[in-house]
């Protein structure tokens, strides 16, 4: 797999904005200018797509949405809970997990991790 699964701050400045987002690019530029920031790692949309595909998320979400009675608030609330539960239950493919552990062990050796969405 040649795809970049995670971006370190130094690489965000060169990455396309549509891949890493404006927030990551701005943080990368701040870090380059000497502003002290906590260490961070960017998870691009492609990595999330790999996880979703490995878990067949689209078909499962489609099935839940097909069963919604859109005239019923209760049905829509239940579907939203089912979708949230489905997303939380996603397993991470071995290739993604291995790369994350490699990057984590090299880059976050003495830090805590904050996950921001």
PDB file of N, CA and C in Angstrom:
ATOM      1  N   UNK A   1       0.847  -1.179   0.000  1.00  0.00           N
ATOM      2  CA  UNK A   1       0.000   0.000   0.000  1.00  0.00           C
ATOM      3  C   UNK A   1       0.887   1.234   0.000  1.00  0.00           C
ATOM      4  N   UNK A   2       0.802   2.047  -1.050  1.00  0.00           N
ATOM      5  CA  UNK A   2       1.619   3.250  -1.189  1.00  0.00           C
ATOM      6  C   UNK A   2       0.928   4.490  -0.656  1.00  0.00           C
ATOM      7  N   UNK A   3      -0.296   4.344  -0.251  1.00  0.00           N
ATOM      8  CA  UNK A   3      -1.085   5.480   0.206  1.00  0.00           C
ATOM      9  C   UNK A   3      -0.611   5.955   1.578  1.00  0.00           C
ATOM     10  N   UNK A   4      -0.575   7.283   1.765  1.00  0.00           N
ATOM     11  CA  UNK A   4      -0.212   7.831   3.066  1.00  0.00           C
ATOM     12  C   UNK A   4      -1.428   7.731   3.976  1.00  0.00           C
ATOM     13  N   UNK A   5      -1.302   6.951   5.049  1.00  0.00           N
ATOM     14  CA  UNK A   5      -2.426   6.724   5.952  1.00  0.00           C
ATOM     15  C   UNK A   5      -2.505   7.770   7.047  1.00  0.00           C
ATOM     16  N   UNK A   6      -1.358   8.349   7.403  1.00  0.00           N
ATOM     17  CA  UNK A   6      -1.294   9.360   8.458  1.00  0.00           C
ATOM     18  C   UNK A   6      -0.268  10.409   8.050  1.00  0.00           C
ATOM     19  N   UNK A   7      -0.537  11.650   8.401  1.00  0.00           N
ATOM     20  CA  UNK A   7       0.388  12.736   8.093  1.00  0.00           C
ATOM     21  C   UNK A   7       0.918  13.337   9.387  1.00  0.00           C
ATOM     22  N   UNK A   8       2.232  13.508   9.440  1.00  0.00           N
ATOM     23  CA  UNK A   8       2.858  14.236  10.534  1.00  0.00           C
ATOM     24  C   UNK A   8       2.796  15.719  10.184  1.00  0.00           C
ATOM     25  N   UNK A   9       2.897  16.602  11.183  1.00  0.00           N
ATOM     26  CA  UNK A   9       2.780  18.042  10.927  1.00  0.00           C
ATOM     27  C   UNK A   9       3.723  18.547   9.833  1.00  0.00           C
ATOM     28  N   UNK A  10       4.950  18.081   9.813  1.00  0.00           N
ATOM     29  CA  UNK A  10       5.917  18.559   8.822  1.00  0.00           C
ATOM     30  C   UNK A  10       5.483  18.237   7.393  1.00  0.00           C
ATOM     31  N   UNK A  11       4.689  17.193   7.229  1.00  0.00           N
ATOM     32  CA  UNK A  11       4.253  16.785   5.894  1.00  0.00           C
ATOM     33  C   UNK A  11       2.924  17.412   5.486  1.00  0.00           C
ATOM     34  N   UNK A  12       2.230  18.010   6.428  1.00  0.00           N
ATOM     35  CA  UNK A  12       0.922  18.600   6.127  1.00  0.00           C
ATOM     36  C   UNK A  12       1.031  19.803   5.208  1.00  0.00           C
ATOM     37  N   UNK A  13       2.101  20.562   5.340  1.00  0.00           N
ATOM     38  CA  UNK A  13       2.257  21.763   4.528  1.00  0.00           C
ATOM     39  C   UNK A  13       2.353  21.421   3.041  1.00  0.00           C
ATOM     40  N   UNK A  14       2.975  20.285   2.719  1.00  0.00           N
ATOM     41  CA  UNK A  14       3.125  19.889   1.319  1.00  0.00           C
ATOM     42  C   UNK A  14       1.939  19.082   0.804  1.00  0.00           C
ATOM     43  N   UNK A  15       1.127  18.550   1.684  1.00  0.00           N
ATOM     44  CA  UNK A  15      -0.013  17.721   1.276  1.00  0.00           C
ATOM     45  C   UNK A  15      -1.126  18.611   0.721  1.00  0.00           C
ATOM     46  N   UNK A  16      -1.907  18.086  -0.214  1.00  0.00           N
ATOM     47  CA  UNK A  16      -3.035  18.866  -0.734  1.00  0.00           C
ATOM     48  C   UNK A  16      -4.040  19.193   0.374  1.00  0.00           C
ATOM     49  N   UNK A  17      -4.590  20.391   0.326  1.00  0.00           N
ATOM     50  CA  UNK A  17      -5.548  20.825   1.343  1.00  0.00           C
ATOM     51  C   UNK A  17      -6.749  19.897   1.406  1.00  0.00           C
ATOM     52  N   UNK A  18      -7.220  19.413   0.265  1.00  0.00           N
ATOM     53  CA  UNK A  18      -8.390  18.535   0.276  1.00  0.00           C
ATOM     54  C   UNK A  18      -8.103  17.197   0.961  1.00  0.00           C
ATOM     55  N   UNK A  19      -6.831  16.864   1.161  1.00  0.00           N
ATOM     56  CA  UNK A  19      -6.466  15.612   1.826  1.00  0.00           C
ATOM     57  C   UNK A  19      -6.336  15.811   3.335  1.00  0.00           C
ATOM     58  N   UNK A  20      -5.652  16.875   3.761  1.00  0.00           N
ATOM     59  CA  UNK A  20      -5.399  17.074   5.190  1.00  0.00           C
ATOM     60  C   UNK A  20      -6.290  18.130   5.832  1.00  0.00           C
ATOM     61  N   UNK A  21      -6.878  19.011   5.027  1.00  0.00           N
ATOM     62  CA  UNK A  21      -7.764  20.040   5.556  1.00  0.00           C
ATOM     63  C   UNK A  21      -7.036  21.315   5.925  1.00  0.00           C
ATOM     64  N   UNK A  22      -7.785  22.385   6.003  1.00  0.00           N
ATOM     65  CA  UNK A  22      -7.226  23.705   6.331  1.00  0.00           C
ATOM     66  C   UNK A  22      -6.656  23.754   7.741  1.00  0.00           C
ATOM     67  N   UNK A  23      -7.358  23.135   8.684  1.00  0.00           N
ATOM     68  CA  UNK A  23      -6.935  23.164  10.088  1.00  0.00           C
ATOM     69  C   UNK A  23      -5.531  22.566  10.237  1.00  0.00           C
ATOM     70  N   UNK A  24      -5.300  21.423   9.625  1.00  0.00           N
ATOM     71  CA  UNK A  24      -3.989  20.772   9.713  1.00  0.00           C
ATOM     72  C   UNK A  24      -2.915  21.614   9.034  1.00  0.00           C
ATOM     73  N   UNK A  25      -3.250  22.213   7.905  1.00  0.00           N
ATOM     74  CA  UNK A  25      -2.277  23.059   7.204  1.00  0.00           C
ATOM     75  C   UNK A  25      -1.910  24.281   8.053  1.00  0.00           C
ATOM     76  N   UNK A  26      -2.904  24.896   8.679  1.00  0.00           N
ATOM     77  CA  UNK A  26      -2.638  26.057   9.530  1.00  0.00           C
ATOM     78  C   UNK A  26      -1.769  25.668  10.731  1.00  0.00           C
ATOM     79  N   UNK A  27      -2.075  24.525  11.348  1.00  0.00           N
ATOM     80  CA  UNK A  27      -1.252  24.064  12.466  1.00  0.00           C
ATOM     81  C   UNK A  27       0.175  23.775  12.014  1.00  0.00           C
ATOM     82  N   UNK A  28       0.319  23.173  10.850  1.00  0.00           N
ATOM     83  CA  UNK A  28       1.638  22.874  10.305  1.00  0.00           C
ATOM     84  C   UNK A  28       2.433  24.160  10.077  1.00  0.00           C
ATOM     85  N   UNK A  29       1.768  25.162   9.529  1.00  0.00           N
ATOM     86  CA  UNK A  29       2.448  26.445   9.295  1.00  0.00           C
ATOM     87  C   UNK A  29       2.830  27.123  10.604  1.00  0.00           C
ATOM     88  N   UNK A  30       1.963  27.042  11.607  1.00  0.00           N
ATOM     89  CA  UNK A  30       2.300  27.606  12.920  1.00  0.00           C
ATOM     90  C   UNK A  30       3.530  26.915  13.496  1.00  0.00           C
ATOM     91  N   UNK A  31       3.550  25.605  13.395  1.00  0.00           N
ATOM     92  CA  UNK A  31       4.695  24.843  13.916  1.00  0.00           C
ATOM     93  C   UNK A  31       5.981  25.218  13.177  1.00  0.00           C
ATOM     94  N   UNK A  32       5.892  25.372  11.860  1.00  0.00           N
ATOM     95  CA  UNK A  32       7.061  25.768  11.063  1.00  0.00           C
ATOM     96  C   UNK A  32       7.574  27.141  11.462  1.00  0.00           C
ATOM     97  N   UNK A  33       6.652  28.034  11.868  1.00  0.00           N
ATOM     98  CA  UNK A  33       7.075  29.388  12.246  1.00  0.00           C
ATOM     99  C   UNK A  33       7.615  29.454  13.669  1.00  0.00           C
ATOM    100  N   UNK A  34       7.667  28.322  14.357  1.00  0.00           N
ATOM    101  CA  UNK A  34       8.276  28.274  15.674  1.00  0.00           C
ATOM    102  C   UNK A  34       7.311  28.276  16.847  1.00  0.00           C
ATOM    103  N   UNK A  35       6.017  28.279  16.580  1.00  0.00           N
ATOM    104  CA  UNK A  35       5.039  28.226  17.667  1.00  0.00           C
ATOM    105  C   UNK A  35       5.048  26.824  18.259  1.00  0.00           C
ATOM    106  N   UNK A  36       5.176  26.739  19.571  1.00  0.00           N
ATOM    107  CA  UNK A  36       5.183  25.434  20.227  1.00  0.00           C
ATOM    108  C   UNK A  36       3.761  24.883  20.291  1.00  0.00           C
ATOM    109  N   UNK A  37       3.560  23.723  19.730  1.00  0.00           N
ATOM    110  CA  UNK A  37       2.252  23.070  19.702  1.00  0.00           C
ATOM    111  C   UNK A  37       2.376  21.660  20.242  1.00  0.00           C
ATOM    112  N   UNK A  38       1.282  21.120  20.739  1.00  0.00           N
ATOM    113  CA  UNK A  38       1.317  19.691  21.086  1.00  0.00           C
ATOM    114  C   UNK A  38       1.548  18.896  19.803  1.00  0.00           C
ATOM    115  N   UNK A  39       2.130  17.728  19.948  1.00  0.00           N
ATOM    116  CA  UNK A  39       2.315  16.872  18.778  1.00  0.00           C
ATOM    117  C   UNK A  39       0.947  16.444  18.271  1.00  0.00           C
ATOM    118  N   UNK A  40       0.834  16.359  16.947  1.00  0.00           N
ATOM    119  CA  UNK A  40      -0.433  15.909  16.388  1.00  0.00           C
ATOM    120  C   UNK A  40      -0.175  15.066  15.146  1.00  0.00           C
ATOM    121  N   UNK A  41      -1.183  14.327  14.784  1.00  0.00           N
ATOM    122  CA  UNK A  41      -1.155  13.444  13.637  1.00  0.00           C
ATOM    123  C   UNK A  41      -2.465  13.644  12.890  1.00  0.00           C
ATOM    124  N   UNK A  42      -2.404  13.733  11.582  1.00  0.00           N
ATOM    125  CA  UNK A  42      -3.603  13.943  10.776  1.00  0.00           C
ATOM    126  C   UNK A  42      -3.998  12.623  10.123  1.00  0.00           C
ATOM    127  N   UNK A  43      -5.267  12.293  10.273  1.00  0.00           N
ATOM    128  CA  UNK A  43      -5.813  11.100   9.629  1.00  0.00           C
ATOM    129  C   UNK A  43      -6.632  11.576   8.436  1.00  0.00           C
ATOM    130  N   UNK A  44      -6.132  11.356   7.224  1.00  0.00           N
ATOM    131  CA  UNK A  44      -6.850  11.851   6.046  1.00  0.00           C
ATOM    132  C   UNK A  44      -8.111  11.040   5.765  1.00  0.00           C
ATOM    133  N   UNK A  45      -8.958  11.631   4.981  1.00  0.00           N
ATOM    134  CA  UNK A  45     -10.237  11.021   4.622  1.00  0.00           C
ATOM    135  C   UNK A  45     -10.038   9.649   3.971  1.00  0.00           C
ATOM    136  N   UNK A  46      -8.986   9.481   3.194  1.00  0.00           N
ATOM    137  CA  UNK A  46      -8.740   8.198   2.534  1.00  0.00           C
ATOM    138  C   UNK A  46      -8.558   7.066   3.540  1.00  0.00           C
ATOM    139  N   UNK A  47      -7.920   7.357   4.666  1.00  0.00           N
ATOM    140  CA  UNK A  47      -7.737   6.340   5.695  1.00  0.00           C
ATOM    141  C   UNK A  47      -9.084   5.955   6.293  1.00  0.00           C
ATOM    142  N   UNK A  48      -9.930   6.941   6.518  1.00  0.00           N
ATOM    143  CA  UNK A  48     -11.267   6.655   7.041  1.00  0.00           C
ATOM    144  C   UNK A  48     -12.080   5.842   6.037  1.00  0.00           C
ATOM    145  N   UNK A  49     -11.887   6.119   4.753  1.00  0.00           N
ATOM    146  CA  UNK A  49     -12.573   5.344   3.719  1.00  0.00           C
ATOM    147  C   UNK A  49     -12.101   3.895   3.709  1.00  0.00           C
ATOM    148  N   UNK A  50     -10.822   3.674   3.919  1.00  0.00           N
ATOM    149  CA  UNK A  50     -10.284   2.308   3.982  1.00  0.00           C
ATOM    150  C   UNK A  50     -10.939   1.551   5.128  1.00  0.00           C
ATOM    151  N   UNK A  51     -11.068   2.209   6.275  1.00  0.00           N
ATOM    152  CA  UNK A  51     -11.703   1.587   7.438  1.00  0.00           C
ATOM    153  C   UNK A  51     -13.169   1.285   7.142  1.00  0.00           C
ATOM    154  N   UNK A  52     -13.866   2.247   6.541  1.00  0.00           N
ATOM    155  CA  UNK A  52     -15.280   2.053   6.216  1.00  0.00           C
ATOM    156  C   UNK A  52     -15.465   0.911   5.223  1.00  0.00           C
ATOM    157  N   UNK A  53     -14.621   0.841   4.203  1.00  0.00           N
ATOM    158  CA  UNK A  53     -14.737  -0.222   3.207  1.00  0.00           C
ATOM    159  C   UNK A  53     -14.451  -1.588   3.815  1.00  0.00           C
ATOM    160  N   UNK A  54     -13.462  -1.656   4.680  1.00  0.00           N
ATOM    161  CA  UNK A  54     -13.125  -2.936   5.315  1.00  0.00           C
ATOM    162  C   UNK A  54     -14.263  -3.460   6.174  1.00  0.00           C
ATOM    163  N   UNK A  55     -15.091  -2.559   6.672  1.00  0.00           N
ATOM    164  CA  UNK A  55     -16.208  -2.941   7.541  1.00  0.00           C
ATOM    165  C   UNK A  55     -17.548  -2.966   6.813  1.00  0.00           C
ATOM    166  N   UNK A  56     -17.524  -2.740   5.491  1.00  0.00           N
ATOM    167  CA  UNK A  56     -18.749  -2.723   4.689  1.00  0.00           C
ATOM    168  C   UNK A  56     -19.758  -1.711   5.252  1.00  0.00           C
ATOM    169  N   UNK A  57     -19.248  -0.574   5.685  1.00  0.00           N
ATOM    170  CA  UNK A  57     -20.066   0.443   6.350  1.00  0.00           C
ATOM    171  C   UNK A  57     -21.171   0.988   5.456  1.00  0.00           C
ATOM    172  N   UNK A  58     -20.889   1.213   4.192  1.00  0.00           N
ATOM    173  CA  UNK A  58     -21.881   1.814   3.301  1.00  0.00           C
ATOM    174  C   UNK A  58     -23.120   0.932   3.181  1.00  0.00           C
ATOM    175  N   UNK A  59     -22.934  -0.357   2.970  1.00  0.00           N
ATOM    176  CA  UNK A  59     -24.081  -1.267   2.818  1.00  0.00           C
ATOM    177  C   UNK A  59     -24.870  -1.367   4.120  1.00  0.00           C
ATOM    178  N   UNK A  60     -24.162  -1.420   5.241  1.00  0.00           N
ATOM    179  CA  UNK A  60     -24.842  -1.522   6.536  1.00  0.00           C
ATOM    180  C   UNK A  60     -25.630  -0.242   6.847  1.00  0.00           C
ATOM    181  N   UNK A  61     -25.036   0.909   6.552  1.00  0.00           N
ATOM    182  CA  UNK A  61     -25.727   2.180   6.784  1.00  0.00           C
ATOM    183  C   UNK A  61     -26.930   2.298   5.849  1.00  0.00           C
ATOM    184  N   UNK A  62     -26.769   1.873   4.621  1.00  0.00           N
ATOM    185  CA  UNK A  62     -27.866   1.919   3.645  1.00  0.00           C
ATOM    186  C   UNK A  62     -29.040   1.074   4.137  1.00  0.00           C
ATOM    187  N   UNK A  63     -28.743  -0.101   4.675  1.00  0.00           N
ATOM    188  CA  UNK A  63     -29.797  -0.979   5.194  1.00  0.00           C
ATOM    189  C   UNK A  63     -30.572  -0.297   6.323  1.00  0.00           C
ATOM    190  N   UNK A  64     -29.868   0.347   7.231  1.00  0.00           N
ATOM    191  CA  UNK A  64     -30.531   1.055   8.334  1.00  0.00           C
ATOM    192  C   UNK A  64     -31.403   2.174   7.779  1.00  0.00           C
ATOM    193  N   UNK A  65     -30.891   2.899   6.819  1.00  0.00           N
ATOM    194  CA  UNK A  65     -31.638   4.038   6.274  1.00  0.00           C
ATOM    195  C   UNK A  65     -32.856   3.596   5.463  1.00  0.00           C
ATOM    196  N   UNK A  66     -32.786   2.432   4.872  1.00  0.00           N
ATOM    197  CA  UNK A  66     -33.928   1.912   4.124  1.00  0.00           C
ATOM    198  C   UNK A  66     -35.109   1.590   5.044  1.00  0.00           C
ATOM    199  N   UNK A  67     -34.821   1.302   6.294  1.00  0.00           N
ATOM    200  CA  UNK A  67     -35.856   0.896   7.238  1.00  0.00           C
ATOM    201  C   UNK A  67     -36.460   2.057   8.021  1.00  0.00           C
ATOM    202  N   UNK A  68     -36.020   3.281   7.749  1.00  0.00           N
ATOM    203  CA  UNK A  68     -36.519   4.443   8.484  1.00  0.00           C
ATOM    204  C   UNK A  68     -37.917   4.817   7.997  1.00  0.00           C
ATOM    205  N   UNK A  69     -38.787   5.087   8.943  1.00  0.00           N
ATOM    206  CA  UNK A  69     -40.082   5.703   8.639  1.00  0.00           C
ATOM    207  C   UNK A  69     -39.862   7.200   8.848  1.00  0.00           C
ATOM    208  N   UNK A  70     -39.674   7.931   7.763  1.00  0.00           N
ATOM    209  CA  UNK A  70     -39.315   9.347   7.856  1.00  0.00           C
ATOM    210  C   UNK A  70     -40.434  10.218   8.421  1.00  0.00           C
ATOM    211  N   UNK A  71     -41.632   9.677   8.531  1.00  0.00           N
ATOM    212  CA  UNK A  71     -42.741  10.424   9.128  1.00  0.00           C
ATOM    213  C   UNK A  71     -42.722  10.304  10.654  1.00  0.00           C
ATOM    214  N   UNK A  72     -41.910   9.400  11.163  1.00  0.00           N
ATOM    215  CA  UNK A  72     -41.864   9.140  12.604  1.00  0.00           C
ATOM    216  C   UNK A  72     -40.570   9.675  13.221  1.00  0.00           C
ATOM    217  N   UNK A  73     -40.719  10.576  14.192  1.00  0.00           N
ATOM    218  CA  UNK A  73     -39.540  11.095  14.896  1.00  0.00           C
ATOM    219  C   UNK A  73     -38.822   9.981  15.638  1.00  0.00           C
ATOM    220  N   UNK A  74     -39.587   9.078  16.229  1.00  0.00           N
ATOM    221  CA  UNK A  74     -38.999   7.960  16.974  1.00  0.00           C
ATOM    222  C   UNK A  74     -38.170   7.077  16.036  1.00  0.00           C
ATOM    223  N   UNK A  75     -38.684   6.801  14.858  1.00  0.00           N
ATOM    224  CA  UNK A  75     -37.964   5.974  13.892  1.00  0.00           C
ATOM    225  C   UNK A  75     -36.652   6.647  13.481  1.00  0.00           C
ATOM    226  N   UNK A  76     -36.689   7.956  13.266  1.00  0.00           N
ATOM    227  CA  UNK A  76     -35.476   8.683  12.885  1.00  0.00           C
ATOM    228  C   UNK A  76     -34.467   8.702  14.032  1.00  0.00           C
ATOM    229  N   UNK A  77     -34.930   8.864  15.254  1.00  0.00           N
ATOM    230  CA  UNK A  77     -34.031   8.845  16.417  1.00  0.00           C
ATOM    231  C   UNK A  77     -33.386   7.477  16.579  1.00  0.00           C
ATOM    232  N   UNK A  78     -34.179   6.418  16.417  1.00  0.00           N
ATOM    233  CA  UNK A  78     -33.647   5.064  16.538  1.00  0.00           C
ATOM    234  C   UNK A  78     -32.611   4.799  15.443  1.00  0.00           C
ATOM    235  N   UNK A  79     -32.890   5.250  14.238  1.00  0.00           N
ATOM    236  CA  UNK A  79     -31.944   5.064  13.133  1.00  0.00           C
ATOM    237  C   UNK A  79     -30.644   5.820  13.407  1.00  0.00           C
ATOM    238  N   UNK A  80     -30.748   7.030  13.933  1.00  0.00           N
ATOM    239  CA  UNK A  80     -29.548   7.804  14.267  1.00  0.00           C
ATOM    240  C   UNK A  80     -28.712   7.072  15.313  1.00  0.00           C
ATOM    241  N   UNK A  81     -29.365   6.490  16.298  1.00  0.00           N
ATOM    242  CA  UNK A  81     -28.639   5.715  17.320  1.00  0.00           C
ATOM    243  C   UNK A  81     -27.994   4.478  16.709  1.00  0.00           C
ATOM    244  N   UNK A  82     -28.720   3.811  15.810  1.00  0.00           N
ATOM    245  CA  UNK A  82     -28.159   2.633  15.149  1.00  0.00           C
ATOM    246  C   UNK A  82     -26.937   3.004  14.304  1.00  0.00           C
ATOM    247  N   UNK A  83     -27.029   4.115  13.587  1.00  0.00           N
ATOM    248  CA  UNK A  83     -25.900   4.555  12.773  1.00  0.00           C
ATOM    249  C   UNK A  83     -24.698   4.915  13.641  1.00  0.00           C
ATOM    250  N   UNK A  84     -24.931   5.612  14.731  1.00  0.00           N
ATOM    251  CA  UNK A  84     -23.841   5.974  15.640  1.00  0.00           C
ATOM    252  C   UNK A  84     -23.188   4.720  16.219  1.00  0.00           C
ATOM    253  N   UNK A  85     -24.005   3.768  16.598  1.00  0.00           N
ATOM    254  CA  UNK A  85     -23.496   2.500  17.141  1.00  0.00           C
ATOM    255  C   UNK A  85     -22.677   1.766  16.077  1.00  0.00           C
ATOM    256  N   UNK A  86     -23.173   1.745  14.862  1.00  0.00           N
ATOM    257  CA  UNK A  86     -22.466   1.095  13.758  1.00  0.00           C
ATOM    258  C   UNK A  86     -21.095   1.719  13.539  1.00  0.00           C
ATOM    259  N   UNK A  87     -21.041   3.031  13.560  1.00  0.00           N
ATOM    260  CA  UNK A  87     -19.769   3.728  13.352  1.00  0.00           C
ATOM    261  C   UNK A  87     -18.798   3.448  14.492  1.00  0.00           C
ATOM    262  N   UNK A  88     -19.286   3.442  15.714  1.00  0.00           N
ATOM    263  CA  UNK A  88     -18.414   3.169  16.870  1.00  0.00           C
ATOM    264  C   UNK A  88     -17.847   1.754  16.840  1.00  0.00           C
ATOM    265  N   UNK A  89     -18.550   0.825  16.220  1.00  0.00           N
ATOM    266  CA  UNK A  89     -18.133  -0.585  16.208  1.00  0.00           C
ATOM    267  C   UNK A  89     -17.148  -0.924  15.091  1.00  0.00           C
ATOM    268  N   UNK A  90     -16.729   0.032  14.308  1.00  0.00           N
ATOM    269  CA  UNK A  90     -15.828  -0.247  13.193  1.00  0.00           C
ATOM    270  C   UNK A  90     -14.506  -0.804  13.705  1.00  0.00           C
ATOM    271  N   UNK A  91     -14.031  -1.848  13.055  1.00  0.00           N
ATOM    272  CA  UNK A  91     -12.708  -2.374  13.402  1.00  0.00           C
ATOM    273  C   UNK A  91     -11.686  -1.775  12.441  1.00  0.00           C
ATOM    274  N   UNK A  92     -10.484  -1.646  12.915  1.00  0.00           N
ATOM    275  CA  UNK A  92      -9.427  -1.031  12.115  1.00  0.00           C
ATOM    276  C   UNK A  92      -8.655  -2.142  11.409  1.00  0.00           C
ATOM    277  N   UNK A  93      -8.546  -2.069  10.083  1.00  0.00           N
ATOM    278  CA  UNK A  93      -7.804  -3.093   9.343  1.00  0.00           C
ATOM    279  C   UNK A  93      -6.350  -3.174   9.809  1.00  0.00           C
ATOM    280  N   UNK A  94      -5.766  -4.339   9.691  1.00  0.00           N
ATOM    281  CA  UNK A  94      -4.403  -4.574  10.171  1.00  0.00           C
ATOM    282  C   UNK A  94      -3.389  -3.617   9.544  1.00  0.00           C
ATOM    283  N   UNK A  95      -3.531  -3.318   8.254  1.00  0.00           N
ATOM    284  CA  UNK A  95      -2.571  -2.416   7.608  1.00  0.00           C
ATOM    285  C   UNK A  95      -2.605  -1.026   8.229  1.00  0.00           C
ATOM    286  N   UNK A  96      -3.807  -0.539   8.527  1.00  0.00           N
ATOM    287  CA  UNK A  96      -3.956   0.787   9.144  1.00  0.00           C
ATOM    288  C   UNK A  96      -3.438   0.755  10.575  1.00  0.00           C
ATOM    289  N   UNK A  97      -3.802  -0.280  11.321  1.00  0.00           N
ATOM    290  CA  UNK A  97      -3.356  -0.397  12.716  1.00  0.00           C
ATOM    291  C   UNK A  97      -1.839  -0.500  12.799  1.00  0.00           C
ATOM    292  N   UNK A  98      -1.235  -1.282  11.926  1.00  0.00           N
ATOM    293  CA  UNK A  98       0.226  -1.434  11.938  1.00  0.00           C
ATOM    294  C   UNK A  98       0.925  -0.115  11.649  1.00  0.00           C
ATOM    295  N   UNK A  99       0.417   0.610  10.655  1.00  0.00           N
ATOM    296  CA  UNK A  99       1.025   1.899  10.317  1.00  0.00           C
ATOM    297  C   UNK A  99       0.844   2.900  11.458  1.00  0.00           C
ATOM    298  N   UNK A 100      -0.327   2.904  12.085  1.00  0.00           N
ATOM    299  CA  UNK A 100      -0.549   3.808  13.214  1.00  0.00           C
ATOM    300  C   UNK A 100       0.427   3.499  14.344  1.00  0.00           C
ATOM    301  N   UNK A 101       0.582   2.225  14.671  1.00  0.00           N
ATOM    302  CA  UNK A 101       1.499   1.845  15.749  1.00  0.00           C
ATOM    303  C   UNK A 101       2.942   2.206  15.412  1.00  0.00           C
ATOM    304  N   UNK A 102       3.322   2.073  14.136  1.00  0.00           N
ATOM    305  CA  UNK A 102       4.671   2.450  13.721  1.00  0.00           C
ATOM    306  C   UNK A 102       4.884   3.955  13.904  1.00  0.00           C
ATOM    307  N   UNK A 103       3.939   4.747  13.400  1.00  0.00           N
ATOM    308  CA  UNK A 103       4.047   6.206  13.516  1.00  0.00           C
ATOM    309  C   UNK A 103       4.000   6.620  14.981  1.00  0.00           C
ATOM    310  N   UNK A 104       3.099   6.021  15.735  1.00  0.00           N
ATOM    311  CA  UNK A 104       2.962   6.362  17.148  1.00  0.00           C
ATOM    312  C   UNK A 104       4.264   6.088  17.901  1.00  0.00           C
ATOM    313  N   UNK A 105       4.861   4.921  17.668  1.00  0.00           N
ATOM    314  CA  UNK A 105       6.072   4.570  18.413  1.00  0.00           C
ATOM    315  C   UNK A 105       7.251   5.464  18.032  1.00  0.00           C
ATOM    316  N   UNK A 106       7.272   5.968  16.808  1.00  0.00           N
ATOM    317  CA  UNK A 106       8.354   6.863  16.387  1.00  0.00           C
ATOM    318  C   UNK A 106       8.135   8.308  16.812  1.00  0.00           C
ATOM    319  N   UNK A 107       6.897   8.753  16.792  1.00  0.00           N
ATOM    320  CA  UNK A 107       6.608  10.178  16.946  1.00  0.00           C
ATOM    321  C   UNK A 107       6.082  10.566  18.321  1.00  0.00           C
ATOM    322  N   UNK A 108       5.327   9.697  18.950  1.00  0.00           N
ATOM    323  CA  UNK A 108       4.695  10.031  20.227  1.00  0.00           C
ATOM    324  C   UNK A 108       5.335   9.292  21.400  1.00  0.00           C
ATOM    325  N   UNK A 109       6.622   9.151  21.407  1.00  0.00           N
ATOM    326  CA  UNK A 109       7.281   8.360  22.432  1.00  0.00           C
ATOM    327  C   UNK A 109       7.103   8.911  23.840  1.00  0.00           C
ATOM    328  N   UNK A 110       6.987  10.222  23.970  1.00  0.00           N
ATOM    329  CA  UNK A 110       6.898  10.806  25.312  1.00  0.00           C
ATOM    330  C   UNK A 110       5.674  11.709  25.466  1.00  0.00           C
ATOM    331  N   UNK A 111       4.619  11.419  24.744  1.00  0.00           N
ATOM    332  CA  UNK A 111       3.443  12.289  24.761  1.00  0.00           C
ATOM    333  C   UNK A 111       2.169  11.513  25.011  1.00  0.00           C
ATOM    334  N   UNK A 112       1.140  12.261  25.391  1.00  0.00           N
ATOM    335  CA  UNK A 112      -0.203  11.703  25.472  1.00  0.00           C
ATOM    336  C   UNK A 112      -0.890  11.980  24.134  1.00  0.00           C
ATOM    337  N   UNK A 113      -1.952  11.293  23.871  1.00  0.00           N
ATOM    338  CA  UNK A 113      -2.669  11.469  22.605  1.00  0.00           C
ATOM    339  C   UNK A 113      -4.046  12.047  22.880  1.00  0.00           C
ATOM    340  N   UNK A 114      -4.403  13.101  22.155  1.00  0.00           N
ATOM    341  CA  UNK A 114      -5.736  13.686  22.191  1.00  0.00           C
ATOM    342  C   UNK A 114      -6.365  13.443  20.837  1.00  0.00           C
ATOM    343  N   UNK A 115      -7.564  12.903  20.832  1.00  0.00           N
ATOM    344  CA  UNK A 115      -8.263  12.672  19.574  1.00  0.00           C
ATOM    345  C   UNK A 115      -9.294  13.762  19.397  1.00  0.00           C
ATOM    346  N   UNK A 116      -9.213  14.486  18.284  1.00  0.00           N
ATOM    347  CA  UNK A 116     -10.136  15.573  17.999  1.00  0.00           C
ATOM    348  C   UNK A 116     -10.822  15.296  16.664  1.00  0.00           C
ATOM    349  N   UNK A 117     -12.150  15.431  16.658  1.00  0.00           N
ATOM    350  CA  UNK A 117     -12.839  15.235  15.378  1.00  0.00           C
ATOM    351  C   UNK A 117     -13.480  16.523  14.937  1.00  0.00           C
TER     352      UNK A 117
END
